């Protein structure tokens, strides 16, 4: 079994960067990372 990079998987499943579905994924993931940082600082 050949392994794939996370970028390759995102390209296959969510489309190339610039498509609406991929952009939504990137925005949602960025918000999630930000929430984790703020929650970690408040502990």
C-alpha atoms as a PDB file:
ATOM      1  CA  UNK A   1       0.000   0.000   0.000  1.00  0.00           C
ATOM      2  CA  UNK A   2       1.397   3.368  -1.008  1.00  0.00           C
ATOM      3  CA  UNK A   3       1.023   6.216   1.456  1.00  0.00           C
ATOM      4  CA  UNK A   4      -0.265   9.624   0.406  1.00  0.00           C
ATOM      5  CA  UNK A   5       0.409  13.051   1.810  1.00  0.00           C
ATOM      6  CA  UNK A   6      -2.334  14.976   3.599  1.00  0.00           C
ATOM      7  CA  UNK A   7      -2.293  17.519   0.748  1.00  0.00           C
ATOM      8  CA  UNK A   8      -2.853  14.771  -1.832  1.00  0.00           C
ATOM      9  CA  UNK A   9      -5.766  13.360   0.161  1.00  0.00           C
ATOM     10  CA  UNK A  10      -7.347  16.816   0.502  1.00  0.00           C
ATOM     11  CA  UNK A  11      -6.931  17.370  -3.252  1.00  0.00           C
ATOM     12  CA  UNK A  12      -8.673  14.074  -4.030  1.00  0.00           C
ATOM     13  CA  UNK A  13     -11.509  14.361  -1.511  1.00  0.00           C
ATOM     14  CA  UNK A  14     -12.145  18.123  -1.305  1.00  0.00           C
ATOM     15  CA  UNK A  15     -10.807  19.297  -4.658  1.00  0.00           C
ATOM     16  CA  UNK A  16      -7.898  21.526  -5.560  1.00  0.00           C
ATOM     17  CA  UNK A  17      -7.137  24.696  -3.617  1.00  0.00           C
ATOM     18  CA  UNK A  18      -9.454  27.470  -4.768  1.00  0.00           C
ATOM     19  CA  UNK A  19     -12.616  25.389  -5.033  1.00  0.00           C
ATOM     20  CA  UNK A  20     -15.490  26.300  -2.712  1.00  0.00           C
ATOM     21  CA  UNK A  21     -15.473  22.980  -0.846  1.00  0.00           C
ATOM     22  CA  UNK A  22     -11.698  23.052  -0.280  1.00  0.00           C
ATOM     23  CA  UNK A  23     -11.745  26.693   0.830  1.00  0.00           C
ATOM     24  CA  UNK A  24     -14.457  25.899   3.381  1.00  0.00           C
ATOM     25  CA  UNK A  25     -12.367  23.019   4.724  1.00  0.00           C
ATOM     26  CA  UNK A  26      -9.325  25.286   5.073  1.00  0.00           C
ATOM     27  CA  UNK A  27     -11.359  28.007   6.862  1.00  0.00           C
ATOM     28  CA  UNK A  28     -12.988  25.517   9.233  1.00  0.00           C
ATOM     29  CA  UNK A  29      -9.652  23.902  10.036  1.00  0.00           C
ATOM     30  CA  UNK A  30      -8.059  27.295  10.708  1.00  0.00           C
ATOM     31  CA  UNK A  31     -10.902  28.194  13.105  1.00  0.00           C
ATOM     32  CA  UNK A  32     -10.496  24.856  14.891  1.00  0.00           C
ATOM     33  CA  UNK A  33      -6.752  25.411  15.358  1.00  0.00           C
ATOM     34  CA  UNK A  34      -7.418  28.911  16.700  1.00  0.00           C
ATOM     35  CA  UNK A  35      -9.936  27.578  19.232  1.00  0.00           C
ATOM     36  CA  UNK A  36      -7.413  25.024  20.477  1.00  0.00           C
ATOM     37  CA  UNK A  37      -4.781  27.723  20.950  1.00  0.00           C
ATOM     38  CA  UNK A  38      -7.157  29.969  22.911  1.00  0.00           C
ATOM     39  CA  UNK A  39      -8.401  27.070  25.041  1.00  0.00           C
ATOM     40  CA  UNK A  40      -4.836  26.010  25.794  1.00  0.00           C
ATOM     41  CA  UNK A  41      -3.918  29.563  26.888  1.00  0.00           C
ATOM     42  CA  UNK A  42      -6.915  29.785  29.217  1.00  0.00           C
ATOM     43  CA  UNK A  43      -5.997  26.637  31.139  1.00  0.00           C
END
